[in-house]
């Protein structure tokens, strides 16, 4: 069984100019590794418009919309570690996306 998380899917000491940028960076990691179709990036942004994916304690877990599951090739996880954080929701800062 292929790994859900590999070194190529982890970006330490990343910087993001915005929540949108952080979501794009994470999605691009997944797309480059073949986990998602590039079109799934829009689904990640769409989910954020419907429901905030910030969990608290500096952690956000962006994910796509149910109706776009066909754009997922296989399950995987990308991780961005943002030491400076990025504003996510209502003044909360995500440092792990």
PDB file of N, CA and C in Angstrom:
ATOM      1  N   UNK A   1       0.844  -1.177   0.000  1.00  0.00           N
ATOM      2  CA  UNK A   1       0.000   0.000   0.000  1.00  0.00           C
ATOM      3  C   UNK A   1       0.892   1.243   0.000  1.00  0.00           C
ATOM      4  N   UNK A   2       0.628   2.215  -0.909  1.00  0.00           N
ATOM      5  CA  UNK A   2       1.433   3.443  -0.950  1.00  0.00           C
ATOM      6  C   UNK A   2       1.261   4.269   0.325  1.00  0.00           C
ATOM      7  N   UNK A   3       2.301   5.009   0.660  1.00  0.00           N
ATOM      8  CA  UNK A   3       2.278   5.845   1.858  1.00  0.00           C
ATOM      9  C   UNK A   3       1.385   7.065   1.663  1.00  0.00           C
ATOM     10  N   UNK A   4       0.672   7.439   2.731  1.00  0.00           N
ATOM     11  CA  UNK A   4      -0.182   8.633   2.712  1.00  0.00           C
ATOM     12  C   UNK A   4       0.623   9.906   2.869  1.00  0.00           C
ATOM     13  N   UNK A   5       1.786   9.787   3.506  1.00  0.00           N
ATOM     14  CA  UNK A   5       2.614  10.959   3.795  1.00  0.00           C
ATOM     15  C   UNK A   5       4.073  10.600   3.572  1.00  0.00           C
ATOM     16  N   UNK A   6       4.709  11.335   2.677  1.00  0.00           N
ATOM     17  CA  UNK A   6       6.119  11.115   2.384  1.00  0.00           C
ATOM     18  C   UNK A   6       6.866  12.437   2.585  1.00  0.00           C
ATOM     19  N   UNK A   7       8.172  12.373   2.578  1.00  0.00           N
ATOM     20  CA  UNK A   7       8.989  13.574   2.777  1.00  0.00           C
ATOM     21  C   UNK A   7       8.679  14.651   1.738  1.00  0.00           C
ATOM     22  N   UNK A   8       8.359  14.241   0.519  1.00  0.00           N
ATOM     23  CA  UNK A   8       8.062  15.235  -0.521  1.00  0.00           C
ATOM     24  C   UNK A   8       6.764  15.997  -0.258  1.00  0.00           C
ATOM     25  N   UNK A   9       5.944  15.502   0.647  1.00  0.00           N
ATOM     26  CA  UNK A   9       4.672  16.147   0.974  1.00  0.00           C
ATOM     27  C   UNK A   9       4.748  17.005   2.230  1.00  0.00           C
ATOM     28  N   UNK A  10       5.949  17.168   2.774  1.00  0.00           N
ATOM     29  CA  UNK A  10       6.128  17.983   3.980  1.00  0.00           C
ATOM     30  C   UNK A  10       7.020  19.167   3.643  1.00  0.00           C
ATOM     31  N   UNK A  11       6.545  20.355   3.945  1.00  0.00           N
ATOM     32  CA  UNK A  11       7.341  21.563   3.729  1.00  0.00           C
ATOM     33  C   UNK A  11       7.502  22.258   5.077  1.00  0.00           C
ATOM     34  N   UNK A  12       8.717  22.190   5.630  1.00  0.00           N
ATOM     35  CA  UNK A  12       9.030  22.838   6.898  1.00  0.00           C
ATOM     36  C   UNK A  12       9.480  24.274   6.639  1.00  0.00           C
ATOM     37  N   UNK A  13       9.271  25.124   7.640  1.00  0.00           N
ATOM     38  CA  UNK A  13       9.673  26.531   7.550  1.00  0.00           C
ATOM     39  C   UNK A  13       9.118  27.223   6.305  1.00  0.00           C
ATOM     40  N   UNK A  14       7.880  26.889   5.975  1.00  0.00           N
ATOM     41  CA  UNK A  14       7.224  27.502   4.818  1.00  0.00           C
ATOM     42  C   UNK A  14       6.738  28.900   5.179  1.00  0.00           C
ATOM     43  N   UNK A  15       6.458  29.674   4.174  1.00  0.00           N
ATOM     44  CA  UNK A  15       5.867  31.004   4.342  1.00  0.00           C
ATOM     45  C   UNK A  15       4.674  31.082   3.415  1.00  0.00           C
ATOM     46  N   UNK A  16       3.611  31.680   3.913  1.00  0.00           N
ATOM     47  CA  UNK A  16       2.421  31.901   3.095  1.00  0.00           C
ATOM     48  C   UNK A  16       1.957  33.331   3.319  1.00  0.00           C
ATOM     49  N   UNK A  17       1.583  33.998   2.259  1.00  0.00           N
ATOM     50  CA  UNK A  17       1.141  35.386   2.366  1.00  0.00           C
ATOM     51  C   UNK A  17      -0.313  35.500   2.802  1.00  0.00           C
ATOM     52  N   UNK A  18      -1.045  34.388   2.702  1.00  0.00           N
ATOM     53  CA  UNK A  18      -2.467  34.391   3.050  1.00  0.00           C
ATOM     54  C   UNK A  18      -2.953  32.956   3.221  1.00  0.00           C
ATOM     55  N   UNK A  19      -4.168  32.833   3.720  1.00  0.00           N
ATOM     56  CA  UNK A  19      -4.805  31.510   3.811  1.00  0.00           C
ATOM     57  C   UNK A  19      -4.896  30.902   2.410  1.00  0.00           C
ATOM     58  N   UNK A  20      -5.299  31.712   1.458  1.00  0.00           N
ATOM     59  CA  UNK A  20      -5.412  31.236   0.070  1.00  0.00           C
ATOM     60  C   UNK A  20      -4.080  30.665  -0.409  1.00  0.00           C
ATOM     61  N   UNK A  21      -2.997  31.389  -0.162  1.00  0.00           N
ATOM     62  CA  UNK A  21      -1.662  30.956  -0.559  1.00  0.00           C
ATOM     63  C   UNK A  21      -1.291  29.639   0.122  1.00  0.00           C
ATOM     64  N   UNK A  22      -1.580  29.505   1.404  1.00  0.00           N
ATOM     65  CA  UNK A  22      -1.262  28.261   2.128  1.00  0.00           C
ATOM     66  C   UNK A  22      -2.018  27.081   1.532  1.00  0.00           C
ATOM     67  N   UNK A  23      -3.289  27.292   1.203  1.00  0.00           N
ATOM     68  CA  UNK A  23      -4.089  26.225   0.609  1.00  0.00           C
ATOM     69  C   UNK A  23      -3.522  25.839  -0.759  1.00  0.00           C
ATOM     70  N   UNK A  24      -3.139  26.837  -1.549  1.00  0.00           N
ATOM     71  CA  UNK A  24      -2.548  26.557  -2.859  1.00  0.00           C
ATOM     72  C   UNK A  24      -1.259  25.747  -2.700  1.00  0.00           C
ATOM     73  N   UNK A  25      -0.396  26.150  -1.781  1.00  0.00           N
ATOM     74  CA  UNK A  25       0.870  25.433  -1.586  1.00  0.00           C
ATOM     75  C   UNK A  25       0.639  23.971  -1.203  1.00  0.00           C
ATOM     76  N   UNK A  26      -0.275  23.733  -0.268  1.00  0.00           N
ATOM     77  CA  UNK A  26      -0.563  22.362   0.152  1.00  0.00           C
ATOM     78  C   UNK A  26      -1.164  21.569  -1.009  1.00  0.00           C
ATOM     79  N   UNK A  27      -2.091  22.179  -1.724  1.00  0.00           N
ATOM     80  CA  UNK A  27      -2.707  21.501  -2.863  1.00  0.00           C
ATOM     81  C   UNK A  27      -1.712  21.186  -3.962  1.00  0.00           C
ATOM     82  N   UNK A  28      -0.796  22.108  -4.212  1.00  0.00           N
ATOM     83  CA  UNK A  28       0.221  21.863  -5.236  1.00  0.00           C
ATOM     84  C   UNK A  28       1.146  20.704  -4.859  1.00  0.00           C
ATOM     85  N   UNK A  29       1.441  20.566  -3.569  1.00  0.00           N
ATOM     86  CA  UNK A  29       2.233  19.413  -3.128  1.00  0.00           C
ATOM     87  C   UNK A  29       1.503  18.113  -3.453  1.00  0.00           C
ATOM     88  N   UNK A  30       0.207  18.077  -3.153  1.00  0.00           N
ATOM     89  CA  UNK A  30      -0.593  16.878  -3.411  1.00  0.00           C
ATOM     90  C   UNK A  30      -0.710  16.600  -4.911  1.00  0.00           C
ATOM     91  N   UNK A  31      -0.914  17.652  -5.699  1.00  0.00           N
ATOM     92  CA  UNK A  31      -1.042  17.481  -7.149  1.00  0.00           C
ATOM     93  C   UNK A  31       0.277  16.991  -7.758  1.00  0.00           C
ATOM     94  N   UNK A  32       1.390  17.584  -7.336  1.00  0.00           N
ATOM     95  CA  UNK A  32       2.697  17.199  -7.870  1.00  0.00           C
ATOM     96  C   UNK A  32       3.035  15.740  -7.555  1.00  0.00           C
ATOM     97  N   UNK A  33       2.556  15.258  -6.427  1.00  0.00           N
ATOM     98  CA  UNK A  33       2.818  13.870  -6.026  1.00  0.00           C
ATOM     99  C   UNK A  33       1.783  12.902  -6.605  1.00  0.00           C
ATOM    100  N   UNK A  34       0.815  13.430  -7.347  1.00  0.00           N
ATOM    101  CA  UNK A  34      -0.158  12.574  -8.007  1.00  0.00           C
ATOM    102  C   UNK A  34      -1.346  12.146  -7.164  1.00  0.00           C
ATOM    103  N   UNK A  35      -1.558  12.789  -6.027  1.00  0.00           N
ATOM    104  CA  UNK A  35      -2.678  12.422  -5.164  1.00  0.00           C
ATOM    105  C   UNK A  35      -4.000  13.023  -5.639  1.00  0.00           C
ATOM    106  N   UNK A  36      -3.945  14.207  -6.245  1.00  0.00           N
ATOM    107  CA  UNK A  36      -5.166  14.873  -6.691  1.00  0.00           C
ATOM    108  C   UNK A  36      -4.989  15.405  -8.104  1.00  0.00           C
ATOM    109  N   UNK A  37      -6.105  15.615  -8.769  1.00  0.00           N
ATOM    110  CA  UNK A  37      -6.102  16.337 -10.038  1.00  0.00           C
ATOM    111  C   UNK A  37      -5.907  17.816  -9.702  1.00  0.00           C
ATOM    112  N   UNK A  38      -5.227  18.573 -10.544  1.00  0.00           N
ATOM    113  CA  UNK A  38      -5.025  20.000 -10.265  1.00  0.00           C
ATOM    114  C   UNK A  38      -6.332  20.760 -10.013  1.00  0.00           C
ATOM    115  N   UNK A  39      -7.420  20.347 -10.623  1.00  0.00           N
ATOM    116  CA  UNK A  39      -8.701  21.004 -10.440  1.00  0.00           C
ATOM    117  C   UNK A  39      -9.240  20.926  -9.023  1.00  0.00           C
ATOM    118  N   UNK A  40      -8.689  20.029  -8.221  1.00  0.00           N
ATOM    119  CA  UNK A  40      -9.151  19.874  -6.843  1.00  0.00           C
ATOM    120  C   UNK A  40      -8.776  21.089  -5.986  1.00  0.00           C
ATOM    121  N   UNK A  41      -7.816  21.882  -6.444  1.00  0.00           N
ATOM    122  CA  UNK A  41      -7.445  23.098  -5.709  1.00  0.00           C
ATOM    123  C   UNK A  41      -8.653  24.009  -5.528  1.00  0.00           C
ATOM    124  N   UNK A  42      -9.475  24.128  -6.545  1.00  0.00           N
ATOM    125  CA  UNK A  42     -10.676  24.960  -6.437  1.00  0.00           C
ATOM    126  C   UNK A  42     -11.632  24.406  -5.393  1.00  0.00           C
ATOM    127  N   UNK A  43     -11.679  23.100  -5.276  1.00  0.00           N
ATOM    128  CA  UNK A  43     -12.539  22.467  -4.281  1.00  0.00           C
ATOM    129  C   UNK A  43     -12.062  22.781  -2.864  1.00  0.00           C
ATOM    130  N   UNK A  44     -10.740  22.848  -2.682  1.00  0.00           N
ATOM    131  CA  UNK A  44     -10.190  23.206  -1.376  1.00  0.00           C
ATOM    132  C   UNK A  44     -10.638  24.614  -0.978  1.00  0.00           C
ATOM    133  N   UNK A  45     -10.609  25.521  -1.928  1.00  0.00           N
ATOM    134  CA  UNK A  45     -11.060  26.888  -1.660  1.00  0.00           C
ATOM    135  C   UNK A  45     -12.573  26.933  -1.456  1.00  0.00           C
ATOM    136  N   UNK A  46     -13.292  26.121  -2.219  1.00  0.00           N
ATOM    137  CA  UNK A  46     -14.744  26.068  -2.086  1.00  0.00           C
ATOM    138  C   UNK A  46     -15.184  25.608  -0.706  1.00  0.00           C
ATOM    139  N   UNK A  47     -14.501  24.636  -0.159  1.00  0.00           N
ATOM    140  CA  UNK A  47     -14.822  24.136   1.188  1.00  0.00           C
ATOM    141  C   UNK A  47     -14.636  25.235   2.220  1.00  0.00           C
ATOM    142  N   UNK A  48     -13.576  25.995   2.038  1.00  0.00           N
ATOM    143  CA  UNK A  48     -13.275  27.063   3.000  1.00  0.00           C
ATOM    144  C   UNK A  48     -14.376  28.130   3.004  1.00  0.00           C
ATOM    145  N   UNK A  49     -15.010  28.342   1.859  1.00  0.00           N
ATOM    146  CA  UNK A  49     -16.110  29.307   1.777  1.00  0.00           C
ATOM    147  C   UNK A  49     -17.351  28.795   2.507  1.00  0.00           C
ATOM    148  N   UNK A  50     -17.526  27.484   2.531  1.00  0.00           N
ATOM    149  CA  UNK A  50     -18.702  26.865   3.141  1.00  0.00           C
ATOM    150  C   UNK A  50     -18.490  26.616   4.631  1.00  0.00           C
ATOM    151  N   UNK A  51     -17.288  26.190   4.980  1.00  0.00           N
ATOM    152  CA  UNK A  51     -17.011  25.807   6.364  1.00  0.00           C
ATOM    153  C   UNK A  51     -15.540  26.056   6.683  1.00  0.00           C
ATOM    154  N   UNK A  52     -15.282  26.757   7.752  1.00  0.00           N
ATOM    155  CA  UNK A  52     -13.933  27.049   8.198  1.00  0.00           C
ATOM    156  C   UNK A  52     -13.214  25.756   8.588  1.00  0.00           C
ATOM    157  N   UNK A  53     -12.005  25.552   8.092  1.00  0.00           N
ATOM    158  CA  UNK A  53     -11.268  24.326   8.393  1.00  0.00           C
ATOM    159  C   UNK A  53     -10.209  24.527   9.483  1.00  0.00           C
ATOM    160  N   UNK A  54     -10.251  25.672  10.156  1.00  0.00           N
ATOM    161  CA  UNK A  54      -9.342  25.916  11.270  1.00  0.00           C
ATOM    162  C   UNK A  54      -9.849  25.142  12.484  1.00  0.00           C
ATOM    163  N   UNK A  55      -8.988  24.300  13.072  1.00  0.00           N
ATOM    164  CA  UNK A  55      -9.378  23.476  14.210  1.00  0.00           C
ATOM    165  C   UNK A  55      -9.091  24.127  15.551  1.00  0.00           C
ATOM    166  N   UNK A  56      -8.142  25.050  15.580  1.00  0.00           N
ATOM    167  CA  UNK A  56      -7.687  25.636  16.834  1.00  0.00           C
ATOM    168  C   UNK A  56      -6.259  25.233  17.102  1.00  0.00           C
ATOM    169  N   UNK A  57      -5.656  25.865  18.107  1.00  0.00           N
ATOM    170  CA  UNK A  57      -4.273  25.553  18.484  1.00  0.00           C
ATOM    171  C   UNK A  57      -3.294  25.646  17.316  1.00  0.00           C
ATOM    172  N   UNK A  58      -3.569  26.557  16.373  1.00  0.00           N
ATOM    173  CA  UNK A  58      -2.649  26.768  15.259  1.00  0.00           C
ATOM    174  C   UNK A  58      -2.741  25.753  14.142  1.00  0.00           C
ATOM    175  N   UNK A  59      -3.785  24.920  14.130  1.00  0.00           N
ATOM    176  CA  UNK A  59      -3.910  23.848  13.141  1.00  0.00           C
ATOM    177  C   UNK A  59      -5.132  24.071  12.247  1.00  0.00           C
ATOM    178  N   UNK A  60      -4.913  23.983  10.940  1.00  0.00           N
ATOM    179  CA  UNK A  60      -5.995  24.013   9.961  1.00  0.00           C
ATOM    180  C   UNK A  60      -5.857  22.791   9.065  1.00  0.00           C
ATOM    181  N   UNK A  61      -6.986  22.210   8.710  1.00  0.00           N
ATOM    182  CA  UNK A  61      -6.964  21.023   7.845  1.00  0.00           C
ATOM    183  C   UNK A  61      -7.872  21.273   6.641  1.00  0.00           C
ATOM    184  N   UNK A  62      -7.357  22.002   5.643  1.00  0.00           N
ATOM    185  CA  UNK A  62      -8.172  22.225   4.453  1.00  0.00           C
ATOM    186  C   UNK A  62      -8.433  20.912   3.719  1.00  0.00           C
ATOM    187  N   UNK A  63      -9.627  20.788   3.210  1.00  0.00           N
ATOM    188  CA  UNK A  63     -10.014  19.626   2.418  1.00  0.00           C
ATOM    189  C   UNK A  63     -11.106  20.066   1.458  1.00  0.00           C
ATOM    190  N   UNK A  64     -11.386  19.249   0.478  1.00  0.00           N
ATOM    191  CA  UNK A  64     -12.305  19.637  -0.576  1.00  0.00           C
ATOM    192  C   UNK A  64     -13.753  19.291  -0.302  1.00  0.00           C
ATOM    193  N   UNK A  65     -14.557  19.574  -1.306  1.00  0.00           N
ATOM    194  CA  UNK A  65     -15.988  19.341  -1.254  1.00  0.00           C
ATOM    195  C   UNK A  65     -16.311  17.892  -1.637  1.00  0.00           C
ATOM    196  N   UNK A  66     -17.324  17.356  -1.016  1.00  0.00           N
ATOM    197  CA  UNK A  66     -17.753  15.972  -1.264  1.00  0.00           C
ATOM    198  C   UNK A  66     -17.995  15.718  -2.758  1.00  0.00           C
ATOM    199  N   UNK A  67     -18.634  16.669  -3.421  1.00  0.00           N
ATOM    200  CA  UNK A  67     -18.980  16.457  -4.828  1.00  0.00           C
ATOM    201  C   UNK A  67     -17.761  16.441  -5.759  1.00  0.00           C
ATOM    202  N   UNK A  68     -16.597  16.781  -5.250  1.00  0.00           N
ATOM    203  CA  UNK A  68     -15.382  16.784  -6.071  1.00  0.00           C
ATOM    204  C   UNK A  68     -14.467  15.597  -5.781  1.00  0.00           C
ATOM    205  N   UNK A  69     -14.979  14.622  -5.090  1.00  0.00           N
ATOM    206  CA  UNK A  69     -14.166  13.440  -4.748  1.00  0.00           C
ATOM    207  C   UNK A  69     -13.581  12.750  -5.981  1.00  0.00           C
ATOM    208  N   UNK A  70     -14.248  12.892  -7.116  1.00  0.00           N
ATOM    209  CA  UNK A  70     -13.751  12.260  -8.344  1.00  0.00           C
ATOM    210  C   UNK A  70     -12.395  12.841  -8.779  1.00  0.00           C
ATOM    211  N   UNK A  71     -12.010  13.979  -8.220  1.00  0.00           N
ATOM    212  CA  UNK A  71     -10.728  14.598  -8.542  1.00  0.00           C
ATOM    213  C   UNK A  71      -9.586  14.096  -7.653  1.00  0.00           C
ATOM    214  N   UNK A  72      -9.915  13.215  -6.725  1.00  0.00           N
ATOM    215  CA  UNK A  72      -8.904  12.604  -5.855  1.00  0.00           C
ATOM    216  C   UNK A  72      -8.461  11.292  -6.484  1.00  0.00           C
ATOM    217  N   UNK A  73      -7.178  11.178  -6.748  1.00  0.00           N
ATOM    218  CA  UNK A  73      -6.636   9.936  -7.333  1.00  0.00           C
ATOM    219  C   UNK A  73      -6.420   8.881  -6.255  1.00  0.00           C
ATOM    220  N   UNK A  74      -5.894   9.331  -5.102  1.00  0.00           N
ATOM    221  CA  UNK A  74      -5.711   8.440  -3.943  1.00  0.00           C
ATOM    222  C   UNK A  74      -5.557   9.313  -2.701  1.00  0.00           C
ATOM    223  N   UNK A  75      -5.781   8.728  -1.559  1.00  0.00           N
ATOM    224  CA  UNK A  75      -5.724   9.464  -0.303  1.00  0.00           C
ATOM    225  C   UNK A  75      -4.284   9.846   0.038  1.00  0.00           C
ATOM    226  N   UNK A  76      -4.102  11.081   0.474  1.00  0.00           N
ATOM    227  CA  UNK A  76      -2.784  11.539   0.871  1.00  0.00           C
ATOM    228  C   UNK A  76      -2.887  12.764   1.766  1.00  0.00           C
ATOM    229  N   UNK A  77      -1.768  13.099   2.380  1.00  0.00           N
ATOM    230  CA  UNK A  77      -1.702  14.238   3.295  1.00  0.00           C
ATOM    231  C   UNK A  77      -0.474  15.068   2.944  1.00  0.00           C
ATOM    232  N   UNK A  78      -0.671  16.374   2.861  1.00  0.00           N
ATOM    233  CA  UNK A  78       0.445  17.308   2.703  1.00  0.00           C
ATOM    234  C   UNK A  78       0.497  18.156   3.966  1.00  0.00           C
ATOM    235  N   UNK A  79       1.701  18.550   4.377  1.00  0.00           N
ATOM    236  CA  UNK A  79       1.870  19.332   5.598  1.00  0.00           C
ATOM    237  C   UNK A  79       2.722  20.559   5.307  1.00  0.00           C
ATOM    238  N   UNK A  80       2.195  21.708   5.685  1.00  0.00           N
ATOM    239  CA  UNK A  80       2.968  22.949   5.654  1.00  0.00           C
ATOM    240  C   UNK A  80       3.170  23.388   7.092  1.00  0.00           C
ATOM    241  N   UNK A  81       4.397  23.578   7.482  1.00  0.00           N
ATOM    242  CA  UNK A  81       4.706  24.128   8.795  1.00  0.00           C
ATOM    243  C   UNK A  81       5.079  25.580   8.568  1.00  0.00           C
ATOM    244  N   UNK A  82       4.268  26.469   9.151  1.00  0.00           N
ATOM    245  CA  UNK A  82       4.419  27.912   8.951  1.00  0.00           C
ATOM    246  C   UNK A  82       4.800  28.566  10.278  1.00  0.00           C
ATOM    247  N   UNK A  83       6.093  28.700  10.579  1.00  0.00           N
ATOM    248  CA  UNK A  83       6.515  29.244  11.867  1.00  0.00           C
ATOM    249  C   UNK A  83       5.910  30.610  12.196  1.00  0.00           C
ATOM    250  N   UNK A  84       5.738  31.451  11.192  1.00  0.00           N
ATOM    251  CA  UNK A  84       5.159  32.772  11.417  1.00  0.00           C
ATOM    252  C   UNK A  84       3.636  32.722  11.418  1.00  0.00           C
ATOM    253  N   UNK A  85       3.096  31.621  10.958  1.00  0.00           N
ATOM    254  CA  UNK A  85       1.648  31.474  10.879  1.00  0.00           C
ATOM    255  C   UNK A  85       1.051  32.312   9.764  1.00  0.00           C
ATOM    256  N   UNK A  86      -0.221  32.068   9.527  1.00  0.00           N
ATOM    257  CA  UNK A  86      -0.976  32.820   8.532  1.00  0.00           C
ATOM    258  C   UNK A  86      -2.380  32.995   9.091  1.00  0.00           C
ATOM    259  N   UNK A  87      -2.936  34.202   8.946  1.00  0.00           N
ATOM    260  CA  UNK A  87      -4.278  34.419   9.470  1.00  0.00           C
ATOM    261  C   UNK A  87      -5.249  33.499   8.759  1.00  0.00           C
ATOM    262  N   UNK A  88      -6.033  32.779   9.553  1.00  0.00           N
ATOM    263  CA  UNK A  88      -6.946  31.806   8.974  1.00  0.00           C
ATOM    264  C   UNK A  88      -8.400  32.220   9.130  1.00  0.00           C
ATOM    265  N   UNK A  89      -8.796  32.482  10.373  1.00  0.00           N
ATOM    266  CA  UNK A  89     -10.211  32.773  10.615  1.00  0.00           C
ATOM    267  C   UNK A  89     -10.355  33.591  11.886  1.00  0.00           C
ATOM    268  N   UNK A  90     -11.073  34.695  11.779  1.00  0.00           N
ATOM    269  CA  UNK A  90     -11.360  35.537  12.952  1.00  0.00           C
ATOM    270  C   UNK A  90     -10.134  35.832  13.810  1.00  0.00           C
ATOM    271  N   UNK A  91      -9.013  36.178  13.149  1.00  0.00           N
ATOM    272  CA  UNK A  91      -7.802  36.530  13.869  1.00  0.00           C
ATOM    273  C   UNK A  91      -6.964  35.353  14.329  1.00  0.00           C
ATOM    274  N   UNK A  92      -7.446  34.139  14.138  1.00  0.00           N
ATOM    275  CA  UNK A  92      -6.665  32.946  14.490  1.00  0.00           C
ATOM    276  C   UNK A  92      -5.557  32.740  13.451  1.00  0.00           C
ATOM    277  N   UNK A  93      -4.398  32.269  13.908  1.00  0.00           N
ATOM    278  CA  UNK A  93      -3.274  32.025  13.016  1.00  0.00           C
ATOM    279  C   UNK A  93      -2.976  30.544  12.937  1.00  0.00           C
ATOM    280  N   UNK A  94      -2.919  30.044  11.716  1.00  0.00           N
ATOM    281  CA  UNK A  94      -2.553  28.643  11.497  1.00  0.00           C
ATOM    282  C   UNK A  94      -1.048  28.558  11.310  1.00  0.00           C
ATOM    283  N   UNK A  95      -0.430  27.651  12.039  1.00  0.00           N
ATOM    284  CA  UNK A  95       1.003  27.418  11.912  1.00  0.00           C
ATOM    285  C   UNK A  95       1.285  26.026  11.341  1.00  0.00           C
ATOM    286  N   UNK A  96       0.264  25.195  11.321  1.00  0.00           N
ATOM    287  CA  UNK A  96       0.381  23.849  10.743  1.00  0.00           C
ATOM    288  C   UNK A  96      -0.851  23.639   9.864  1.00  0.00           C
ATOM    289  N   UNK A  97      -0.600  23.475   8.592  1.00  0.00           N
ATOM    290  CA  UNK A  97      -1.683  23.328   7.612  1.00  0.00           C
ATOM    291  C   UNK A  97      -1.495  22.016   6.896  1.00  0.00           C
TER     292      UNK A  97
END
